[in-house]
Amino acid sequence: MPVSTKGTLNVEGHELTITNPSKLLWPEIGITKADYIAKLTELAPYLLRYCRDRHLTTIRFPNGYDQKSFYQKNAPNPVPDFVKLAPLDGIDYVNLDSMSTLLWLGNLASLEFHPSFHRIGETLPVEWLIDIDPTLEEEPRIMEAAHIIGEVLDSLRIQSIPKTSGATGVQIYIPIQHGYTFEQLRKIGYFIAAYVVKRYPNLFTIERFKKNRGDKIYIDYLQHWYGKTLSAPYTPRARKDAPISTPLLWKEVELRPSPREFNLLTVLDRLRTYGDLIERVPPQNLDAILNQLN
């Protein structure tokens, strides 16, 4: 796309105007809006899988990742004809169900995509996530912490996939059979969190107030709830180096990689090599652990 104040793309039969295509969104690594939209085009098959038919919150950074931002829940006006809305509780959320809608949001400098845990028109969770959130900005133990949680899940015969949050944390993603409630998943989450806090008291905490956590890693089993969101698999994040929320192999976690290794410049080669790692894990049956906890 030539350097200009506007450009146009034809996507799925719709003409999209791209404003300020040469604007730098990640200036240190030279990613312009045009570059970003090109990357979103390639990420679309993966990102859409986890945003489609959900209530979407985006975070917009009109002048780049390190400048002023704002959360967008209500769809911004005007809304193109091809964008589907998903009203809930008085808010007109966007249903991110197409490449056209994704690139429209990309043009609005939506750098982060945070979908609901439930589908439009439903109240049950689609999947289960445990959020592992470091208190320290630089936390070399984060992969060790994720590995411990993974081993506990494995001991319960629950298969899972770790993914970088794209920021400083790691989230454990568990595909689940349909029908479990948020309350049931929270009960299991609390059980696992309390167990590892007791076993590794110098590493983990379930203290909700950050000021009281010291240097411990917070197991946020509460975030997975109706009406809340987490970063979607494969969403970019508005941080230095353009990180991406990236699913990992457990053997990679054992090598203690830095979350910064997984970013907008590296993720597409990775996807060509591995595909979507989450798809490798079948939906999990949690009846056995729930029966033990009841």
Protein backbone atom coordinates (compact mmCIF):
# COMPACT_ATOMS: atom_id res chain seq x y z
CA MET A 1 0.00 0.00 0.00
CA PRO A 2 1.60 3.36 -0.99
CA VAL A 3 2.30 6.01 1.60
CA SER A 4 -0.75 8.27 1.62
CA THR A 5 -3.44 9.58 3.90
CA LYS A 6 -5.92 6.96 2.65
CA GLY A 7 -6.02 3.66 0.89
CA THR A 8 -8.72 1.18 -0.05
CA LEU A 9 -9.00 -2.58 0.27
CA ASN A 10 -11.58 -4.89 -1.21
CA VAL A 11 -12.34 -7.55 1.39
CA GLU A 12 -15.03 -10.20 1.00
CA GLY A 13 -16.78 -7.96 -1.54
CA HIS A 14 -16.69 -4.89 0.71
CA GLU A 15 -14.59 -1.81 0.06
CA LEU A 16 -12.70 -0.69 3.17
CA THR A 17 -11.07 2.71 3.48
CA ILE A 18 -7.75 2.53 5.32
CA THR A 19 -6.89 5.89 6.87
CA ASN A 20 -3.30 6.93 7.55
CA PRO A 21 -1.80 3.61 6.40
CA SER A 22 1.75 4.84 7.07
CA LYS A 23 1.04 5.76 10.71
CA LEU A 24 3.43 3.92 13.02
CA LEU A 25 1.59 1.77 15.57
CA TRP A 26 4.74 0.13 16.99
CA PRO A 27 7.37 2.74 16.14
CA GLU A 28 10.42 0.95 17.63
CA ILE A 29 10.03 -1.96 15.24
CA GLY A 30 8.56 0.02 12.37
CA ILE A 31 5.10 -1.56 12.19
CA THR A 32 2.72 0.80 10.38
CA LYS A 33 -1.04 0.53 10.23
CA ALA A 34 -0.72 -0.95 6.73
CA ASP A 35 1.70 -3.56 8.09
CA TYR A 36 -0.64 -4.30 10.99
CA ILE A 37 -3.63 -4.81 8.71
CA ALA A 38 -1.56 -7.14 6.52
CA LYS A 39 -0.63 -9.18 9.63
CA LEU A 40 -4.28 -9.28 10.77
CA THR A 41 -5.22 -10.68 7.35
CA GLU A 42 -2.93 -13.66 7.99
CA LEU A 43 -3.95 -14.01 11.64
CA ALA A 44 -7.65 -13.90 10.82
CA PRO A 45 -8.34 -17.67 10.53
CA TYR A 46 -6.95 -18.18 14.04
CA LEU A 47 -8.10 -15.02 15.80
CA LEU A 48 -11.65 -15.20 14.42
CA ARG A 49 -12.02 -18.75 15.78
CA TYR A 50 -11.92 -17.39 19.34
CA CYS A 51 -13.83 -14.14 18.78
CA ARG A 52 -16.67 -15.19 16.49
CA ASP A 53 -20.18 -15.18 18.02
CA ARG A 54 -19.02 -13.55 21.25
CA HIS A 55 -19.36 -10.10 22.77
CA LEU A 56 -16.15 -8.28 21.86
CA THR A 57 -14.28 -5.59 23.76
CA THR A 58 -11.38 -3.94 21.95
CA ILE A 59 -8.71 -1.53 23.14
CA ARG A 60 -7.94 1.20 20.65
CA PHE A 61 -4.67 3.12 20.33
CA PRO A 62 -5.25 5.74 17.60
CA ASN A 63 -1.68 7.05 17.75
CA GLY A 64 0.24 3.88 18.51
CA TYR A 65 0.63 1.37 21.32
CA ASP A 66 2.47 3.75 23.66
CA GLN A 67 -0.01 6.62 23.34
CA LYS A 68 -3.47 7.33 24.77
CA SER A 69 -5.92 4.42 24.55
CA PHE A 70 -9.52 3.61 25.35
CA TYR A 71 -11.71 0.54 25.75
CA GLN A 72 -14.42 0.09 23.13
CA LYS A 73 -17.45 -1.98 24.09
CA ASN A 74 -20.16 -0.17 22.13
CA ALA A 75 -19.63 -0.41 18.38
CA PRO A 76 -18.31 2.93 17.07
CA ASN A 77 -20.52 4.83 14.66
CA PRO A 78 -20.95 4.68 11.78
CA VAL A 79 -21.12 0.89 11.60
CA PRO A 80 -20.67 -0.58 8.10
CA ASP A 81 -23.45 -2.81 6.78
CA PHE A 82 -21.29 -5.93 7.02
CA VAL A 83 -20.60 -5.55 10.76
CA LYS A 84 -22.93 -7.62 12.93
CA LEU A 85 -23.83 -6.34 16.38
CA ALA A 86 -24.40 -8.38 19.54
CA PRO A 87 -26.50 -6.38 22.02
CA LEU A 88 -26.20 -7.28 25.70
CA ASP A 89 -27.24 -5.28 28.77
CA GLY A 90 -27.71 -2.09 26.78
CA ILE A 91 -24.37 -2.32 24.96
CA ASP A 92 -24.06 -2.94 21.21
CA TYR A 93 -20.99 -5.15 21.10
CA VAL A 94 -19.35 -6.09 17.81
CA ASN A 95 -19.55 -9.71 16.68
CA LEU A 96 -16.10 -10.27 15.20
CA ASP A 97 -17.14 -12.95 12.72
CA SER A 98 -15.45 -11.96 9.45
CA MET A 99 -12.22 -10.76 7.89
CA SER A 100 -14.01 -7.56 6.83
CA THR A 101 -14.97 -6.75 10.42
CA LEU A 102 -11.48 -7.57 11.68
CA LEU A 103 -9.79 -5.24 9.18
CA TRP A 104 -12.37 -2.51 9.87
CA LEU A 105 -11.42 -2.74 13.55
CA GLY A 106 -7.74 -2.82 12.59
CA ASN A 107 -8.17 0.43 10.69
CA LEU A 108 -9.63 1.93 13.90
CA ALA A 109 -6.33 0.98 15.59
CA SER A 110 -7.92 -1.74 17.68
CA LEU A 111 -4.71 -3.37 18.91
CA GLU A 112 -6.27 -5.80 21.39
CA PHE A 113 -9.25 -8.16 21.16
CA HIS A 114 -10.95 -9.40 24.32
CA PRO A 115 -13.99 -11.66 23.73
CA SER A 116 -16.57 -12.81 26.27
CA PHE A 117 -16.21 -16.29 27.75
CA HIS A 118 -19.71 -17.19 26.52
CA ARG A 119 -21.30 -17.12 23.09
CA ILE A 120 -23.93 -14.62 22.01
CA GLY A 121 -27.30 -15.63 23.39
CA GLU A 122 -25.82 -18.14 25.86
CA THR A 123 -24.79 -18.05 29.51
CA LEU A 124 -22.53 -21.12 29.70
CA PRO A 125 -18.76 -20.87 29.18
CA VAL A 126 -17.21 -22.00 25.89
CA GLU A 127 -13.89 -22.91 27.50
CA TRP A 128 -12.13 -22.64 30.86
CA LEU A 129 -9.13 -20.43 31.58
CA ILE A 130 -6.92 -20.03 34.62
CA ASP A 131 -5.05 -16.73 34.59
CA ILE A 132 -1.55 -16.70 36.11
CA ASP A 133 -0.63 -13.10 36.75
CA PRO A 134 2.77 -11.97 38.05
CA THR A 135 2.91 -9.16 40.57
CA LEU A 136 6.34 -8.07 39.31
CA GLU A 137 6.67 -6.53 35.84
CA GLU A 138 9.69 -8.76 35.18
CA GLU A 139 8.97 -12.26 36.49
CA PRO A 140 11.41 -15.01 35.44
CA ARG A 141 9.37 -17.63 37.36
CA ILE A 142 6.20 -17.24 35.29
CA MET A 143 6.84 -20.28 33.08
CA GLU A 144 7.77 -22.37 36.13
CA ALA A 145 4.45 -21.33 37.69
CA ALA A 146 2.54 -22.26 34.53
CA HIS A 147 4.28 -25.63 34.41
CA ILE A 148 3.26 -26.40 38.01
CA ILE A 149 -0.39 -25.63 37.26
CA GLY A 150 -0.17 -27.79 34.14
CA GLU A 151 1.19 -30.71 36.15
CA VAL A 152 -1.65 -30.40 38.66
CA LEU A 153 -4.20 -30.43 35.84
CA ASP A 154 -2.43 -33.41 34.31
CA SER A 155 -2.63 -35.27 37.63
CA LEU A 156 -6.39 -34.67 37.52
CA ARG A 157 -6.43 -36.10 33.97
CA ILE A 158 -7.33 -32.72 32.51
CA GLN A 159 -5.52 -31.82 29.28
CA SER A 160 -4.67 -28.15 28.82
CA ILE A 161 -2.66 -25.72 26.72
CA PRO A 162 -0.64 -22.81 28.11
CA LYS A 163 -0.73 -19.52 26.27
CA THR A 164 1.10 -16.29 26.83
CA SER A 165 -1.28 -13.48 27.72
CA GLY A 166 0.70 -11.23 25.41
CA ALA A 167 1.53 -9.08 28.44
CA THR A 168 3.42 -10.48 31.44
CA GLY A 169 1.25 -13.44 32.40
CA VAL A 170 0.34 -16.90 31.21
CA GLN A 171 -3.13 -18.35 30.87
CA ILE A 172 -3.94 -22.04 31.03
CA TYR A 173 -6.57 -22.82 28.39
CA ILE A 174 -8.79 -25.89 28.84
CA PRO A 175 -11.25 -26.81 26.07
CA ILE A 176 -14.35 -28.24 27.79
CA GLN A 177 -17.38 -30.26 26.90
CA HIS A 178 -20.46 -28.08 26.67
CA GLY A 179 -22.74 -27.85 29.68
CA TYR A 180 -20.53 -26.86 32.60
CA THR A 181 -21.34 -23.64 34.46
CA PHE A 182 -19.08 -20.79 35.48
CA GLU A 183 -19.76 -21.73 39.11
CA GLN A 184 -18.52 -25.30 38.56
CA LEU A 185 -15.33 -24.14 36.83
CA ARG A 186 -14.66 -21.61 39.59
CA LYS A 187 -14.98 -24.38 42.17
CA ILE A 188 -12.29 -26.44 40.41
CA GLY A 189 -10.16 -23.32 39.91
CA TYR A 190 -10.27 -22.53 43.61
CA PHE A 191 -9.36 -26.12 44.49
CA ILE A 192 -6.28 -26.02 42.24
CA ALA A 193 -5.25 -22.54 43.36
CA ALA A 194 -5.57 -23.35 47.06
CA TYR A 195 -3.57 -26.55 46.57
CA VAL A 196 -0.59 -24.90 44.85
CA VAL A 197 -0.60 -21.95 47.27
CA LYS A 198 -0.31 -24.43 50.13
CA ARG A 199 2.39 -26.46 48.38
CA TYR A 200 4.38 -23.48 47.01
CA PRO A 201 3.69 -20.67 49.49
CA ASN A 202 6.67 -18.58 48.34
CA LEU A 203 5.62 -18.68 44.69
CA PHE A 204 1.81 -18.44 44.53
CA THR A 205 -0.93 -16.36 46.10
CA ILE A 206 -4.70 -15.94 45.76
CA GLU A 207 -4.58 -12.52 47.46
CA ARG A 208 -6.82 -10.28 45.36
CA PHE A 209 -5.17 -6.97 46.32
CA LYS A 210 -1.94 -6.45 44.44
CA LYS A 211 -0.42 -4.35 47.23
CA ASN A 212 -0.66 -7.38 49.54
CA ARG A 213 0.95 -9.92 47.19
CA GLY A 214 4.60 -9.06 47.65
CA ASP A 215 6.50 -10.73 44.80
CA LYS A 216 4.19 -13.71 44.49
CA ILE A 217 2.38 -14.87 41.36
CA TYR A 218 -1.40 -14.48 41.52
CA ILE A 219 -3.61 -17.36 40.45
CA ASP A 220 -6.69 -15.57 39.19
CA TYR A 221 -9.37 -18.24 39.11
CA LEU A 222 -12.01 -15.50 39.54
CA GLN A 223 -11.51 -13.78 36.17
CA HIS A 224 -13.23 -16.62 34.31
CA TRP A 225 -16.83 -15.50 34.79
CA TYR A 226 -19.90 -14.35 32.91
CA GLY A 227 -19.45 -10.77 31.76
CA LYS A 228 -15.66 -10.76 32.09
CA THR A 229 -13.04 -11.13 29.36
CA LEU A 230 -9.44 -12.17 28.79
CA SER A 231 -7.13 -11.64 25.84
CA ALA A 232 -8.12 -13.90 22.96
CA PRO A 233 -5.69 -16.48 21.63
CA TYR A 234 -3.71 -14.78 18.86
CA THR A 235 -4.68 -11.24 19.80
CA PRO A 236 -1.90 -8.67 19.50
CA ARG A 237 -1.16 -6.67 22.65
CA ALA A 238 -0.32 -2.98 22.88
CA ARG A 239 3.13 -3.37 24.39
CA LYS A 240 6.71 -2.99 23.24
CA ASP A 241 7.77 -5.60 20.65
CA ALA A 242 4.13 -6.18 19.53
CA PRO A 243 3.59 -9.38 21.53
CA ILE A 244 0.84 -11.86 20.61
CA SER A 245 -1.14 -14.06 22.98
CA THR A 246 0.34 -17.35 21.81
CA PRO A 247 -0.49 -20.98 22.67
CA LEU A 248 2.60 -23.00 23.58
CA LEU A 249 3.64 -26.62 23.80
CA TRP A 250 4.25 -27.84 27.35
CA LYS A 251 7.78 -28.85 26.32
CA GLU A 252 8.37 -25.22 25.35
CA VAL A 253 7.20 -24.06 28.78
CA GLU A 254 9.82 -26.38 30.33
CA LEU A 255 12.50 -24.35 28.49
CA ARG A 256 11.26 -21.17 30.27
CA PRO A 257 10.93 -18.90 27.22
CA SER A 258 10.31 -15.19 27.55
CA PRO A 259 6.76 -14.20 26.53
CA ARG A 260 8.38 -11.49 24.39
CA GLU A 261 9.60 -14.16 21.97
CA PHE A 262 6.05 -14.57 20.69
CA ASN A 263 5.10 -11.47 18.73
CA LEU A 264 3.65 -10.02 15.55
CA LEU A 265 6.94 -10.59 13.70
CA THR A 266 7.31 -14.27 14.67
CA VAL A 267 3.80 -15.66 15.12
CA LEU A 268 2.96 -16.35 11.48
CA ASP A 269 6.01 -18.58 10.93
CA ARG A 270 5.04 -20.37 14.13
CA LEU A 271 1.47 -20.91 12.93
CA ARG A 272 2.75 -22.30 9.65
CA THR A 273 4.83 -24.79 11.65
CA TYR A 274 2.40 -25.82 14.40
CA GLY A 275 -1.04 -24.60 13.39
CA ASP A 276 -3.45 -23.88 16.23
CA LEU A 277 -2.21 -25.85 19.26
CA ILE A 278 -5.51 -25.38 21.09
CA GLU A 279 -7.28 -27.42 18.41
CA ARG A 280 -5.12 -30.42 19.29
CA VAL A 281 -6.76 -30.72 22.71
CA PRO A 282 -10.17 -32.42 22.76
CA PRO A 283 -12.98 -30.93 24.88
CA GLN A 284 -12.39 -32.13 28.44
CA ASN A 285 -14.84 -33.98 30.65
CA LEU A 286 -14.64 -32.57 34.19
CA ASP A 287 -17.22 -34.79 35.84
CA ALA A 288 -14.69 -36.81 37.86
CA ILE A 289 -13.14 -33.82 39.64
CA LEU A 290 -16.52 -32.17 40.16
CA ASN A 291 -17.87 -35.35 41.76
CA GLN A 292 -14.91 -35.33 44.16
CA LEU A 293 -15.50 -31.68 45.09
CA ASN A 294 -19.25 -32.04 45.68
